[in-house]
Amino acid sequence: MRTSRLAFAFPLLLAACAPALKPPALQVEGLKKGTIGITGAKLDVVFGVRNPNPQELAVEKMEFDLVLNGHRVGRGYVGEPFVVGGFGGEKVISTVDVSYLSVPDAVKAVLNDDEVRAEVHGTFYVRRGGGLVKLAFDSDARISLGREN
């Protein structure tokens, strides 16, 4: 009985001693208009992700809401796992489908602008021990809206 208590308590003790995990910093570095159709458009969102921790972070996925000039234009995700080295950085790209049917006319006007205020709010799902840890992020940047040739 005593051995089973120790076997149960030991992993909990190790987890309590592990340093707190700082959330990665995320910044929108670019937006690129993809195909534009009658009912919507595709936007490629380029993110810079920085790891403030000494150990590498294994990000299983990330989900986010994209807001341009104060208008929510869509939800995106990165489903492919990626690793950010300790104190390192990575670039990550996600495509957001913007439906004109579900967004106001103001958003269509935003897509015609050359520069926009881009906000993202979302969650990283980071592999930690035997499970996933949710780490929230928010970012706000003024960037140029590139066009696909």
N, C-alpha and C. Protein backbone atom coordinates (compact mmCIF):
# COMPACT_ATOMS: atom_id res chain seq x y z
N MET A 1 0.82 -1.19 0.00
CA MET A 1 0.00 0.00 0.00
C MET A 1 0.87 1.25 0.00
N ARG A 2 1.91 1.24 0.82
CA ARG A 2 2.79 2.40 0.92
C ARG A 2 3.53 2.64 -0.40
N THR A 3 3.95 1.57 -1.07
CA THR A 3 4.66 1.69 -2.34
C THR A 3 3.76 2.31 -3.40
N SER A 4 2.49 1.94 -3.44
CA SER A 4 1.58 2.50 -4.44
C SER A 4 1.34 3.99 -4.18
N ARG A 5 1.32 4.41 -2.95
CA ARG A 5 1.18 5.83 -2.64
C ARG A 5 2.40 6.61 -3.12
N LEU A 6 3.58 6.04 -2.89
CA LEU A 6 4.80 6.70 -3.35
C LEU A 6 4.86 6.76 -4.87
N ALA A 7 4.45 5.69 -5.52
CA ALA A 7 4.46 5.66 -6.99
C ALA A 7 3.50 6.71 -7.53
N PHE A 8 2.40 6.95 -6.87
CA PHE A 8 1.44 7.96 -7.29
C PHE A 8 1.94 9.37 -6.98
N ALA A 9 2.56 9.55 -5.82
CA ALA A 9 2.98 10.88 -5.38
C ALA A 9 4.22 11.37 -6.10
N PHE A 10 5.10 10.47 -6.55
CA PHE A 10 6.36 10.88 -7.16
C PHE A 10 6.16 11.72 -8.43
N PRO A 11 5.31 11.31 -9.40
CA PRO A 11 5.10 12.16 -10.58
C PRO A 11 4.49 13.51 -10.23
N LEU A 12 3.63 13.54 -9.23
CA LEU A 12 3.04 14.81 -8.80
C LEU A 12 4.10 15.73 -8.22
N LEU A 13 5.02 15.16 -7.47
CA LEU A 13 6.11 15.93 -6.88
C LEU A 13 7.02 16.49 -7.97
N LEU A 14 7.33 15.68 -8.98
CA LEU A 14 8.16 16.15 -10.09
C LEU A 14 7.48 17.29 -10.85
N ALA A 15 6.19 17.14 -11.09
CA ALA A 15 5.45 18.19 -11.81
C ALA A 15 5.43 19.48 -11.01
N ALA A 16 5.32 19.38 -9.69
CA ALA A 16 5.29 20.58 -8.85
C ALA A 16 6.63 21.29 -8.86
N CYS A 17 7.72 20.52 -9.04
CA CYS A 17 9.06 21.12 -9.04
C CYS A 17 9.45 21.68 -10.41
N ALA A 18 8.74 21.30 -11.46
CA ALA A 18 9.08 21.78 -12.81
C ALA A 18 8.84 23.28 -12.88
N PRO A 19 9.73 23.99 -13.58
CA PRO A 19 9.53 25.44 -13.69
C PRO A 19 8.27 25.77 -14.47
N ALA A 20 7.67 26.90 -14.14
CA ALA A 20 6.45 27.32 -14.82
C ALA A 20 6.76 27.57 -16.30
N LEU A 21 5.84 27.18 -17.14
CA LEU A 21 6.01 27.34 -18.58
C LEU A 21 5.47 28.71 -18.99
N LYS A 22 6.35 29.52 -19.59
CA LYS A 22 5.92 30.83 -20.08
C LYS A 22 5.31 30.66 -21.46
N PRO A 23 4.20 31.35 -21.75
CA PRO A 23 3.59 31.21 -23.07
C PRO A 23 4.47 31.81 -24.16
N PRO A 24 4.50 31.20 -25.33
CA PRO A 24 5.26 31.78 -26.44
C PRO A 24 4.68 33.14 -26.83
N ALA A 25 5.54 34.02 -27.32
CA ALA A 25 5.09 35.32 -27.84
C ALA A 25 4.78 35.14 -29.32
N LEU A 26 3.67 35.68 -29.76
CA LEU A 26 3.26 35.55 -31.15
C LEU A 26 3.02 36.93 -31.73
N GLN A 27 3.46 37.14 -32.96
CA GLN A 27 3.28 38.42 -33.64
C GLN A 27 2.87 38.14 -35.08
N VAL A 28 1.84 38.84 -35.54
CA VAL A 28 1.49 38.76 -36.96
C VAL A 28 2.55 39.54 -37.72
N GLU A 29 3.22 38.88 -38.65
CA GLU A 29 4.28 39.53 -39.42
C GLU A 29 3.84 39.86 -40.84
N GLY A 30 2.77 39.26 -41.28
CA GLY A 30 2.32 39.56 -42.63
C GLY A 30 0.99 38.92 -42.95
N LEU A 31 0.29 39.54 -43.87
CA LEU A 31 -0.95 39.01 -44.43
C LEU A 31 -0.81 39.06 -45.94
N LYS A 32 -1.23 38.00 -46.58
CA LYS A 32 -1.17 37.99 -48.03
C LYS A 32 -2.51 37.53 -48.56
N LYS A 33 -3.09 38.34 -49.44
CA LYS A 33 -4.35 37.96 -50.06
C LYS A 33 -4.10 36.83 -51.03
N GLY A 34 -4.90 35.79 -50.89
CA GLY A 34 -4.85 34.69 -51.84
C GLY A 34 -5.93 34.91 -52.88
N THR A 35 -6.57 33.84 -53.24
CA THR A 35 -7.62 33.95 -54.25
C THR A 35 -8.82 34.71 -53.68
N ILE A 36 -9.39 35.54 -54.52
CA ILE A 36 -10.57 36.31 -54.14
C ILE A 36 -11.68 35.93 -55.10
N GLY A 37 -12.79 35.45 -54.56
CA GLY A 37 -13.91 35.03 -55.38
C GLY A 37 -15.15 35.84 -55.09
N ILE A 38 -16.25 35.39 -55.63
CA ILE A 38 -17.52 36.09 -55.46
C ILE A 38 -18.02 35.99 -54.03
N THR A 39 -17.81 34.83 -53.40
CA THR A 39 -18.36 34.62 -52.05
C THR A 39 -17.34 34.76 -50.93
N GLY A 40 -16.05 34.94 -51.28
CA GLY A 40 -15.08 35.06 -50.21
C GLY A 40 -13.65 35.18 -50.71
N ALA A 41 -12.73 35.11 -49.76
CA ALA A 41 -11.31 35.25 -50.07
C ALA A 41 -10.50 34.38 -49.12
N LYS A 42 -9.28 34.11 -49.52
CA LYS A 42 -8.33 33.40 -48.66
C LYS A 42 -7.24 34.38 -48.25
N LEU A 43 -6.88 34.33 -46.98
CA LEU A 43 -5.78 35.15 -46.46
C LEU A 43 -4.74 34.23 -45.86
N ASP A 44 -3.49 34.39 -46.27
CA ASP A 44 -2.39 33.69 -45.62
C ASP A 44 -1.86 34.59 -44.52
N VAL A 45 -1.84 34.07 -43.30
CA VAL A 45 -1.36 34.83 -42.15
C VAL A 45 0.01 34.27 -41.76
N VAL A 46 1.02 35.16 -41.74
CA VAL A 46 2.38 34.76 -41.37
C VAL A 46 2.62 35.21 -39.92
N PHE A 47 2.97 34.25 -39.08
CA PHE A 47 3.23 34.52 -37.67
C PHE A 47 4.70 34.32 -37.36
N GLY A 48 5.22 35.15 -36.48
CA GLY A 48 6.51 34.91 -35.84
C GLY A 48 6.22 34.43 -34.43
N VAL A 49 6.75 33.27 -34.07
CA VAL A 49 6.53 32.70 -32.73
C VAL A 49 7.88 32.65 -32.02
N ARG A 50 7.97 33.27 -30.84
CA ARG A 50 9.21 33.30 -30.04
C ARG A 50 8.98 32.52 -28.74
N ASN A 51 9.97 31.73 -28.38
CA ASN A 51 9.91 30.93 -27.16
C ASN A 51 10.74 31.60 -26.07
N PRO A 52 10.10 32.06 -24.97
CA PRO A 52 10.84 32.70 -23.88
C PRO A 52 11.40 31.71 -22.85
N ASN A 53 11.27 30.41 -23.14
CA ASN A 53 11.71 29.37 -22.22
C ASN A 53 13.05 28.77 -22.65
N PRO A 54 13.85 28.28 -21.72
CA PRO A 54 15.13 27.67 -22.09
C PRO A 54 14.96 26.31 -22.78
N GLN A 55 13.86 25.61 -22.49
CA GLN A 55 13.63 24.32 -23.12
C GLN A 55 12.75 24.50 -24.37
N GLU A 56 12.90 23.59 -25.32
CA GLU A 56 12.10 23.68 -26.54
C GLU A 56 10.63 23.43 -26.23
N LEU A 57 9.77 24.02 -27.07
CA LEU A 57 8.33 23.83 -26.94
C LEU A 57 7.83 23.04 -28.13
N ALA A 58 7.12 21.96 -27.87
CA ALA A 58 6.50 21.16 -28.92
C ALA A 58 5.04 21.59 -29.02
N VAL A 59 4.73 22.42 -30.02
CA VAL A 59 3.37 22.92 -30.21
C VAL A 59 2.62 21.91 -31.08
N GLU A 60 1.59 21.31 -30.54
CA GLU A 60 0.80 20.32 -31.28
C GLU A 60 -0.13 20.99 -32.28
N LYS A 61 -0.72 22.12 -31.87
CA LYS A 61 -1.58 22.89 -32.77
C LYS A 61 -1.81 24.26 -32.16
N MET A 62 -2.33 25.16 -32.98
CA MET A 62 -2.77 26.46 -32.46
C MET A 62 -4.04 26.85 -33.18
N GLU A 63 -4.92 27.53 -32.47
CA GLU A 63 -6.18 28.02 -33.02
C GLU A 63 -6.26 29.50 -32.73
N PHE A 64 -6.90 30.27 -33.64
CA PHE A 64 -6.96 31.71 -33.42
C PHE A 64 -8.15 32.33 -34.15
N ASP A 65 -8.54 33.49 -33.65
CA ASP A 65 -9.51 34.36 -34.33
C ASP A 65 -8.71 35.51 -34.92
N LEU A 66 -9.03 35.88 -36.16
CA LEU A 66 -8.36 36.98 -36.85
C LEU A 66 -9.31 38.16 -36.92
N VAL A 67 -8.82 39.32 -36.45
CA VAL A 67 -9.59 40.56 -36.44
C VAL A 67 -8.80 41.59 -37.24
N LEU A 68 -9.44 42.17 -38.27
CA LEU A 68 -8.79 43.21 -39.09
C LEU A 68 -9.55 44.51 -38.94
N ASN A 69 -8.84 45.57 -38.55
CA ASN A 69 -9.45 46.89 -38.34
C ASN A 69 -10.71 46.81 -37.49
N GLY A 70 -10.67 45.98 -36.46
CA GLY A 70 -11.78 45.87 -35.52
C GLY A 70 -12.90 44.94 -35.95
N HIS A 71 -12.79 44.27 -37.10
CA HIS A 71 -13.83 43.36 -37.60
C HIS A 71 -13.29 41.93 -37.60
N ARG A 72 -14.02 41.03 -36.92
CA ARG A 72 -13.62 39.62 -36.93
C ARG A 72 -13.88 39.08 -38.33
N VAL A 73 -12.82 38.55 -38.97
CA VAL A 73 -12.97 38.08 -40.35
C VAL A 73 -12.91 36.57 -40.48
N GLY A 74 -12.44 35.88 -39.45
CA GLY A 74 -12.41 34.43 -39.56
C GLY A 74 -11.64 33.77 -38.45
N ARG A 75 -11.69 32.45 -38.50
CA ARG A 75 -11.00 31.62 -37.52
C ARG A 75 -9.99 30.77 -38.28
N GLY A 76 -8.80 30.64 -37.71
CA GLY A 76 -7.77 29.84 -38.35
C GLY A 76 -7.12 28.89 -37.38
N TYR A 77 -6.31 28.01 -37.94
CA TYR A 77 -5.60 27.05 -37.11
C TYR A 77 -4.34 26.59 -37.83
N VAL A 78 -3.42 26.08 -37.05
CA VAL A 78 -2.25 25.39 -37.57
C VAL A 78 -2.35 24.00 -36.98
N GLY A 79 -2.61 23.00 -37.81
CA GLY A 79 -2.82 21.63 -37.34
C GLY A 79 -1.57 20.78 -37.37
N GLU A 80 -0.55 21.24 -38.06
CA GLU A 80 0.71 20.50 -38.12
C GLU A 80 1.57 20.86 -36.91
N PRO A 81 2.02 19.87 -36.15
CA PRO A 81 2.88 20.17 -35.01
C PRO A 81 4.18 20.85 -35.46
N PHE A 82 4.70 21.72 -34.59
CA PHE A 82 5.99 22.35 -34.84
C PHE A 82 6.71 22.55 -33.52
N VAL A 83 8.02 22.68 -33.60
CA VAL A 83 8.86 22.83 -32.40
C VAL A 83 9.56 24.17 -32.46
N VAL A 84 9.55 24.88 -31.33
CA VAL A 84 10.28 26.14 -31.21
C VAL A 84 11.38 25.89 -30.19
N GLY A 85 12.63 26.04 -30.63
CA GLY A 85 13.77 25.79 -29.75
C GLY A 85 13.80 26.73 -28.56
N GLY A 86 14.54 26.34 -27.52
CA GLY A 86 14.70 27.18 -26.34
C GLY A 86 15.25 28.55 -26.71
N PHE A 87 14.57 29.60 -26.30
CA PHE A 87 14.89 30.99 -26.60
C PHE A 87 14.96 31.25 -28.11
N GLY A 88 14.31 30.40 -28.89
CA GLY A 88 14.35 30.51 -30.36
C GLY A 88 13.05 31.04 -30.93
N GLY A 89 12.99 31.02 -32.24
CA GLY A 89 11.82 31.50 -32.95
C GLY A 89 11.54 30.69 -34.19
N GLU A 90 10.31 30.73 -34.65
CA GLU A 90 9.88 30.04 -35.86
C GLU A 90 8.86 30.90 -36.59
N LYS A 91 8.77 30.71 -37.89
CA LYS A 91 7.72 31.33 -38.69
C LYS A 91 6.68 30.25 -38.98
N VAL A 92 5.42 30.62 -38.86
CA VAL A 92 4.31 29.69 -39.07
C VAL A 92 3.30 30.39 -39.98
N ILE A 93 2.73 29.66 -40.93
CA ILE A 93 1.75 30.24 -41.85
C ILE A 93 0.45 29.47 -41.75
N SER A 94 -0.65 30.20 -41.73
CA SER A 94 -1.98 29.60 -41.71
C SER A 94 -2.86 30.32 -42.73
N THR A 95 -3.74 29.58 -43.38
CA THR A 95 -4.69 30.17 -44.32
C THR A 95 -6.04 30.31 -43.64
N VAL A 96 -6.62 31.50 -43.74
CA VAL A 96 -7.95 31.77 -43.19
C VAL A 96 -8.91 31.98 -44.35
N ASP A 97 -10.01 31.24 -44.34
CA ASP A 97 -11.06 31.44 -45.34
C ASP A 97 -12.02 32.50 -44.83
N VAL A 98 -12.17 33.57 -45.60
CA VAL A 98 -13.05 34.67 -45.23
C VAL A 98 -14.28 34.59 -46.13
N SER A 99 -15.44 34.41 -45.52
CA SER A 99 -16.68 34.33 -46.29
C SER A 99 -17.38 35.68 -46.28
N TYR A 100 -17.65 36.21 -47.46
CA TYR A 100 -18.38 37.48 -47.56
C TYR A 100 -19.81 37.32 -47.04
N LEU A 101 -20.31 36.10 -47.04
CA LEU A 101 -21.69 35.86 -46.60
C LEU A 101 -21.83 35.98 -45.09
N SER A 102 -20.72 35.77 -44.37
CA SER A 102 -20.81 35.80 -42.91
C SER A 102 -20.15 37.02 -42.28
N VAL A 103 -19.60 37.92 -43.10
CA VAL A 103 -18.96 39.11 -42.55
C VAL A 103 -19.58 40.36 -43.16
N PRO A 104 -19.54 41.48 -42.46
CA PRO A 104 -20.16 42.70 -42.98
C PRO A 104 -19.41 43.28 -44.18
N ASP A 105 -20.07 44.20 -44.88
CA ASP A 105 -19.46 44.87 -46.03
C ASP A 105 -18.18 45.59 -45.66
N ALA A 106 -18.08 46.02 -44.40
CA ALA A 106 -16.87 46.73 -43.96
C ALA A 106 -15.63 45.86 -44.11
N VAL A 107 -15.78 44.55 -43.93
CA VAL A 107 -14.63 43.66 -44.06
C VAL A 107 -14.19 43.56 -45.51
N LYS A 108 -15.14 43.57 -46.43
CA LYS A 108 -14.78 43.58 -47.85
C LYS A 108 -13.94 44.81 -48.15
N ALA A 109 -14.30 45.95 -47.55
CA ALA A 109 -13.53 47.17 -47.74
C ALA A 109 -12.13 47.03 -47.14
N VAL A 110 -12.02 46.35 -45.99
CA VAL A 110 -10.72 46.13 -45.35
C VAL A 110 -9.80 45.38 -46.30
N LEU A 111 -10.34 44.40 -47.02
CA LEU A 111 -9.53 43.60 -47.93
C LEU A 111 -9.00 44.42 -49.11
N ASN A 112 -9.57 45.59 -49.33
CA ASN A 112 -9.08 46.47 -50.39
C ASN A 112 -8.02 47.46 -49.88
N ASP A 113 -7.83 47.54 -48.55
CA ASP A 113 -6.82 48.44 -47.96
C ASP A 113 -5.42 47.89 -48.19
N ASP A 114 -4.43 48.78 -48.18
CA ASP A 114 -3.04 48.37 -48.31
C ASP A 114 -2.40 48.08 -46.95
N GLU A 115 -2.94 48.68 -45.88
CA GLU A 115 -2.41 48.48 -44.53
C GLU A 115 -3.58 48.27 -43.59
N VAL A 116 -3.42 47.33 -42.65
CA VAL A 116 -4.49 47.02 -41.71
C VAL A 116 -3.93 46.84 -40.31
N ARG A 117 -4.82 46.96 -39.34
CA ARG A 117 -4.49 46.62 -37.95
C ARG A 117 -4.96 45.18 -37.76
N ALA A 118 -4.02 44.29 -37.51
CA ALA A 118 -4.32 42.86 -37.36
C ALA A 118 -4.21 42.44 -35.91
N GLU A 119 -5.27 41.86 -35.40
CA GLU A 119 -5.28 41.31 -34.05
C GLU A 119 -5.55 39.82 -34.15
N VAL A 120 -4.89 39.05 -33.33
CA VAL A 120 -5.19 37.63 -33.22
C VAL A 120 -5.31 37.28 -31.74
N HIS A 121 -6.28 36.43 -31.47
CA HIS A 121 -6.52 35.94 -30.12
C HIS A 121 -6.68 34.43 -30.24
N GLY A 122 -5.94 33.68 -29.44
CA GLY A 122 -6.05 32.24 -29.60
C GLY A 122 -5.35 31.45 -28.54
N THR A 123 -5.10 30.18 -28.88
CA THR A 123 -4.54 29.22 -27.94
C THR A 123 -3.49 28.35 -28.61
N PHE A 124 -2.35 28.19 -27.94
CA PHE A 124 -1.36 27.18 -28.30
C PHE A 124 -1.69 25.92 -27.50
N TYR A 125 -1.54 24.75 -28.09
CA TYR A 125 -1.65 23.48 -27.39
C TYR A 125 -0.24 22.88 -27.39
N VAL A 126 0.42 22.94 -26.24
CA VAL A 126 1.82 22.57 -26.11
C VAL A 126 1.95 21.23 -25.39
N ARG A 127 2.77 20.35 -25.95
CA ARG A 127 3.03 19.05 -25.34
C ARG A 127 3.89 19.27 -24.10
N ARG A 128 3.44 18.78 -22.96
CA ARG A 128 4.17 18.96 -21.69
C ARG A 128 3.97 17.69 -20.88
N GLY A 129 5.04 16.97 -20.63
CA GLY A 129 4.92 15.70 -19.91
C GLY A 129 4.10 14.74 -20.76
N GLY A 130 3.07 14.17 -20.19
CA GLY A 130 2.23 13.22 -20.92
C GLY A 130 0.97 13.82 -21.50
N GLY A 131 0.81 15.14 -21.41
CA GLY A 131 -0.44 15.74 -21.89
C GLY A 131 -0.21 17.04 -22.63
N LEU A 132 -1.31 17.74 -22.87
CA LEU A 132 -1.27 19.03 -23.55
C LEU A 132 -1.61 20.14 -22.57
N VAL A 133 -0.88 21.24 -22.70
CA VAL A 133 -1.13 22.43 -21.88
C VAL A 133 -1.63 23.51 -22.82
N LYS A 134 -2.72 24.19 -22.44
CA LYS A 134 -3.26 25.29 -23.22
C LYS A 134 -2.59 26.59 -22.78
N LEU A 135 -2.05 27.33 -23.75
CA LEU A 135 -1.44 28.62 -23.46
C LEU A 135 -2.09 29.67 -24.36
N ALA A 136 -2.74 30.64 -23.75
CA ALA A 136 -3.44 31.68 -24.51
C ALA A 136 -2.47 32.71 -25.06
N PHE A 137 -2.84 33.34 -26.18
CA PHE A 137 -2.04 34.42 -26.75
C PHE A 137 -2.93 35.49 -27.34
N ASP A 138 -2.41 36.71 -27.36
CA ASP A 138 -3.04 37.87 -27.99
C ASP A 138 -1.94 38.65 -28.68
N SER A 139 -2.25 39.18 -29.85
CA SER A 139 -1.26 39.97 -30.58
C SER A 139 -1.99 41.06 -31.35
N ASP A 140 -1.30 42.19 -31.50
CA ASP A 140 -1.87 43.34 -32.21
C ASP A 140 -0.74 44.00 -32.99
N ALA A 141 -0.93 44.17 -34.30
CA ALA A 141 0.12 44.77 -35.12
C ALA A 141 -0.48 45.53 -36.29
N ARG A 142 0.23 46.52 -36.76
CA ARG A 142 -0.16 47.26 -37.97
C ARG A 142 0.74 46.73 -39.09
N ILE A 143 0.14 46.16 -40.12
CA ILE A 143 0.93 45.53 -41.18
C ILE A 143 0.35 45.84 -42.55
N SER A 144 1.20 45.67 -43.56
CA SER A 144 0.72 45.87 -44.93
C SER A 144 0.04 44.59 -45.39
N LEU A 145 -0.96 44.75 -46.22
CA LEU A 145 -1.73 43.64 -46.73
C LEU A 145 -1.22 43.32 -48.13
N GLY A 146 -0.39 42.28 -48.20
CA GLY A 146 0.20 41.91 -49.49
C GLY A 146 -0.82 41.31 -50.42
N ARG A 147 -0.49 41.28 -51.66
CA ARG A 147 -1.38 40.75 -52.68
C ARG A 147 -0.69 39.62 -53.43
N GLU A 148 -1.48 38.60 -53.79
CA GLU A 148 -0.95 37.52 -54.58
C GLU A 148 -0.90 37.94 -56.04
N ASN A 149 0.20 37.66 -56.72
CA ASN A 149 0.33 38.05 -58.13
C ASN A 149 -0.23 37.00 -59.04
